[in-house]
N, C-alpha and C. Protein backbone atom coordinates (compact mmCIF):
# COMPACT_ATOMS: atom_id res chain seq x y z
N MET A 1 3.98 14.16 -5.54
CA MET A 1 3.89 13.18 -4.49
C MET A 1 4.14 11.79 -5.08
N ALA A 2 4.62 10.91 -4.28
CA ALA A 2 4.95 9.56 -4.72
C ALA A 2 3.68 8.77 -5.03
N ARG A 3 3.85 7.73 -5.83
CA ARG A 3 2.73 6.88 -6.21
C ARG A 3 3.04 5.45 -5.78
N LEU A 4 1.98 4.70 -5.46
CA LEU A 4 2.11 3.30 -5.07
C LEU A 4 1.36 2.45 -6.08
N LYS A 5 1.95 1.32 -6.45
CA LYS A 5 1.27 0.37 -7.32
C LYS A 5 0.64 -0.70 -6.44
N VAL A 6 -0.68 -0.82 -6.50
CA VAL A 6 -1.41 -1.77 -5.67
C VAL A 6 -2.01 -2.83 -6.58
N THR A 7 -1.75 -4.11 -6.29
CA THR A 7 -2.23 -5.22 -7.10
C THR A 7 -3.10 -6.12 -6.24
N LEU A 8 -4.29 -6.43 -6.74
CA LEU A 8 -5.20 -7.33 -6.05
C LEU A 8 -4.77 -8.77 -6.31
N VAL A 9 -4.43 -9.51 -5.24
CA VAL A 9 -3.94 -10.87 -5.41
C VAL A 9 -4.86 -11.91 -4.80
N LYS A 10 -5.85 -11.48 -4.03
CA LYS A 10 -6.79 -12.41 -3.43
C LYS A 10 -8.19 -11.83 -3.56
N SER A 11 -9.17 -12.68 -3.80
CA SER A 11 -10.54 -12.24 -4.01
C SER A 11 -11.16 -11.70 -2.73
N PRO A 12 -11.87 -10.57 -2.83
CA PRO A 12 -12.54 -10.02 -1.67
C PRO A 12 -13.95 -10.60 -1.44
N ILE A 13 -14.33 -11.59 -2.21
CA ILE A 13 -15.70 -12.11 -2.14
C ILE A 13 -16.08 -12.59 -0.74
N SER A 14 -15.24 -13.34 -0.09
CA SER A 14 -15.58 -13.91 1.20
C SER A 14 -15.15 -13.02 2.37
N GLN A 15 -14.80 -11.79 2.09
CA GLN A 15 -14.32 -10.88 3.13
C GLN A 15 -15.46 -10.01 3.66
N LYS A 16 -15.16 -9.25 4.70
CA LYS A 16 -16.15 -8.35 5.29
C LYS A 16 -16.57 -7.29 4.28
N GLN A 17 -17.77 -6.76 4.49
CA GLN A 17 -18.34 -5.77 3.56
C GLN A 17 -17.46 -4.53 3.45
N ASN A 18 -16.89 -4.05 4.56
CA ASN A 18 -16.06 -2.85 4.48
C ASN A 18 -14.79 -3.10 3.67
N GLN A 19 -14.25 -4.32 3.73
CA GLN A 19 -13.06 -4.64 2.95
C GLN A 19 -13.41 -4.73 1.47
N GLN A 20 -14.56 -5.27 1.14
CA GLN A 20 -15.00 -5.34 -0.26
C GLN A 20 -15.16 -3.92 -0.82
N ARG A 21 -15.74 -3.05 -0.03
CA ARG A 21 -15.95 -1.66 -0.48
C ARG A 21 -14.62 -0.91 -0.62
N THR A 22 -13.69 -1.21 0.26
CA THR A 22 -12.37 -0.58 0.18
C THR A 22 -11.66 -0.97 -1.11
N VAL A 23 -11.69 -2.26 -1.44
CA VAL A 23 -11.06 -2.73 -2.68
C VAL A 23 -11.71 -2.05 -3.88
N LYS A 24 -13.02 -1.96 -3.87
CA LYS A 24 -13.73 -1.33 -4.99
C LYS A 24 -13.41 0.16 -5.08
N SER A 25 -13.32 0.83 -3.94
CA SER A 25 -13.05 2.26 -3.96
C SER A 25 -11.63 2.59 -4.41
N MET A 26 -10.73 1.62 -4.29
CA MET A 26 -9.37 1.82 -4.78
C MET A 26 -9.29 1.62 -6.29
N GLY A 27 -10.37 1.16 -6.89
CA GLY A 27 -10.40 0.98 -8.33
C GLY A 27 -10.02 -0.42 -8.77
N LEU A 28 -9.93 -1.34 -7.83
CA LEU A 28 -9.56 -2.72 -8.17
C LEU A 28 -10.83 -3.51 -8.45
N ARG A 29 -10.92 -4.11 -9.65
CA ARG A 29 -12.13 -4.82 -10.05
C ARG A 29 -11.92 -6.32 -10.22
N ARG A 30 -10.70 -6.74 -10.60
CA ARG A 30 -10.47 -8.17 -10.84
C ARG A 30 -9.07 -8.56 -10.36
N LEU A 31 -8.88 -9.84 -10.17
CA LEU A 31 -7.61 -10.34 -9.68
C LEU A 31 -6.47 -9.98 -10.61
N ARG A 32 -5.33 -9.75 -10.03
CA ARG A 32 -4.09 -9.38 -10.72
C ARG A 32 -4.20 -8.03 -11.44
N GLN A 33 -5.19 -7.25 -11.13
CA GLN A 33 -5.29 -5.90 -11.67
C GLN A 33 -4.44 -4.97 -10.81
N THR A 34 -3.73 -4.06 -11.45
CA THR A 34 -2.86 -3.13 -10.75
C THR A 34 -3.35 -1.71 -10.99
N VAL A 35 -3.41 -0.93 -9.94
CA VAL A 35 -3.74 0.49 -10.04
C VAL A 35 -2.67 1.29 -9.33
N GLU A 36 -2.51 2.54 -9.73
CA GLU A 36 -1.58 3.44 -9.07
C GLU A 36 -2.38 4.43 -8.25
N VAL A 37 -2.00 4.57 -7.00
CA VAL A 37 -2.65 5.52 -6.11
C VAL A 37 -1.58 6.42 -5.50
N GLU A 38 -1.99 7.61 -5.08
CA GLU A 38 -1.05 8.51 -4.44
C GLU A 38 -0.66 7.98 -3.08
N ASP A 39 0.55 8.26 -2.68
CA ASP A 39 1.05 7.83 -1.39
C ASP A 39 0.69 8.89 -0.35
N ASN A 40 -0.47 8.72 0.27
CA ASN A 40 -0.88 9.62 1.34
C ASN A 40 -1.52 8.82 2.47
N ARG A 41 -1.86 9.48 3.55
CA ARG A 41 -2.40 8.78 4.72
C ARG A 41 -3.71 8.06 4.42
N THR A 42 -4.56 8.65 3.63
CA THR A 42 -5.84 8.02 3.31
C THR A 42 -5.65 6.71 2.58
N ASN A 43 -4.84 6.73 1.53
CA ASN A 43 -4.60 5.50 0.77
C ASN A 43 -3.81 4.48 1.58
N ARG A 44 -2.89 4.93 2.43
CA ARG A 44 -2.17 3.99 3.29
C ARG A 44 -3.14 3.29 4.24
N GLY A 45 -4.13 4.01 4.76
CA GLY A 45 -5.12 3.41 5.63
C GLY A 45 -5.97 2.39 4.90
N MET A 46 -6.33 2.70 3.65
CA MET A 46 -7.11 1.76 2.85
C MET A 46 -6.29 0.50 2.56
N ILE A 47 -5.02 0.68 2.24
CA ILE A 47 -4.15 -0.46 1.98
C ILE A 47 -4.01 -1.30 3.24
N HIS A 48 -3.90 -0.64 4.39
CA HIS A 48 -3.77 -1.37 5.65
C HIS A 48 -5.02 -2.21 5.93
N THR A 49 -6.18 -1.70 5.56
CA THR A 49 -7.43 -2.43 5.78
C THR A 49 -7.49 -3.72 4.98
N VAL A 50 -6.95 -3.70 3.77
CA VAL A 50 -7.02 -4.88 2.90
C VAL A 50 -5.62 -5.44 2.61
N ARG A 51 -4.71 -5.31 3.56
CA ARG A 51 -3.32 -5.72 3.35
C ARG A 51 -3.18 -7.21 3.07
N HIS A 52 -4.14 -8.02 3.45
CA HIS A 52 -4.09 -9.45 3.20
C HIS A 52 -4.60 -9.80 1.80
N LEU A 53 -5.15 -8.82 1.08
CA LEU A 53 -5.70 -9.05 -0.26
C LEU A 53 -4.85 -8.44 -1.36
N VAL A 54 -3.94 -7.54 -1.02
CA VAL A 54 -3.19 -6.80 -2.03
C VAL A 54 -1.69 -6.92 -1.81
N VAL A 55 -0.95 -6.59 -2.87
CA VAL A 55 0.51 -6.46 -2.82
C VAL A 55 0.82 -5.04 -3.28
N VAL A 56 1.73 -4.39 -2.56
CA VAL A 56 2.06 -3.00 -2.85
C VAL A 56 3.51 -2.91 -3.30
N ASP A 57 3.73 -2.24 -4.43
CA ASP A 57 5.08 -1.99 -4.94
C ASP A 57 5.42 -0.52 -4.73
N GLY A 58 6.66 -0.27 -4.39
CA GLY A 58 7.11 1.10 -4.20
C GLY A 58 6.71 1.67 -2.87
N ALA A 59 6.46 0.81 -1.89
CA ALA A 59 6.03 1.29 -0.58
C ALA A 59 7.21 1.37 0.37
N GLU A 60 7.64 2.57 0.61
CA GLU A 60 8.66 2.80 1.63
C GLU A 60 7.99 3.63 2.70
N ILE A 61 7.95 3.11 3.90
CA ILE A 61 7.28 3.83 4.99
C ILE A 61 8.25 4.87 5.55
N PRO A 62 7.86 6.13 5.48
CA PRO A 62 8.74 7.16 6.01
C PRO A 62 8.86 7.05 7.54
N ALA A 63 9.94 7.55 8.08
CA ALA A 63 10.19 7.44 9.52
C ALA A 63 9.14 8.17 10.34
N ASP A 64 8.58 9.26 9.82
CA ASP A 64 7.61 10.04 10.58
C ASP A 64 6.16 9.71 10.20
N PHE A 65 5.90 8.57 9.61
CA PHE A 65 4.55 8.25 9.13
C PHE A 65 3.53 8.18 10.26
N ASN A 66 3.87 7.58 11.38
CA ASN A 66 2.91 7.39 12.46
C ASN A 66 2.88 8.56 13.46
N LYS A 67 3.66 9.56 13.24
CA LYS A 67 3.68 10.71 14.15
C LYS A 67 2.55 11.65 13.80
N ASP A 68 1.88 12.13 14.82
CA ASP A 68 0.78 13.09 14.58
C ASP A 68 1.12 14.46 15.08
């Protein structure tokens, strides 16, 4: 499965508690830290929750991503 590189570019300190927990659960601990996560629906949802705090490399949204 494909991997995504997620980089924390903004501090989650002043954000909502669920966003702080999401950043922590992705393994991001400090600014400009990059982690690789699998490209699946769960991680895409987490990235969507904190999209204003992170930058994602290698993210190509498949055409059938939103289809259930």
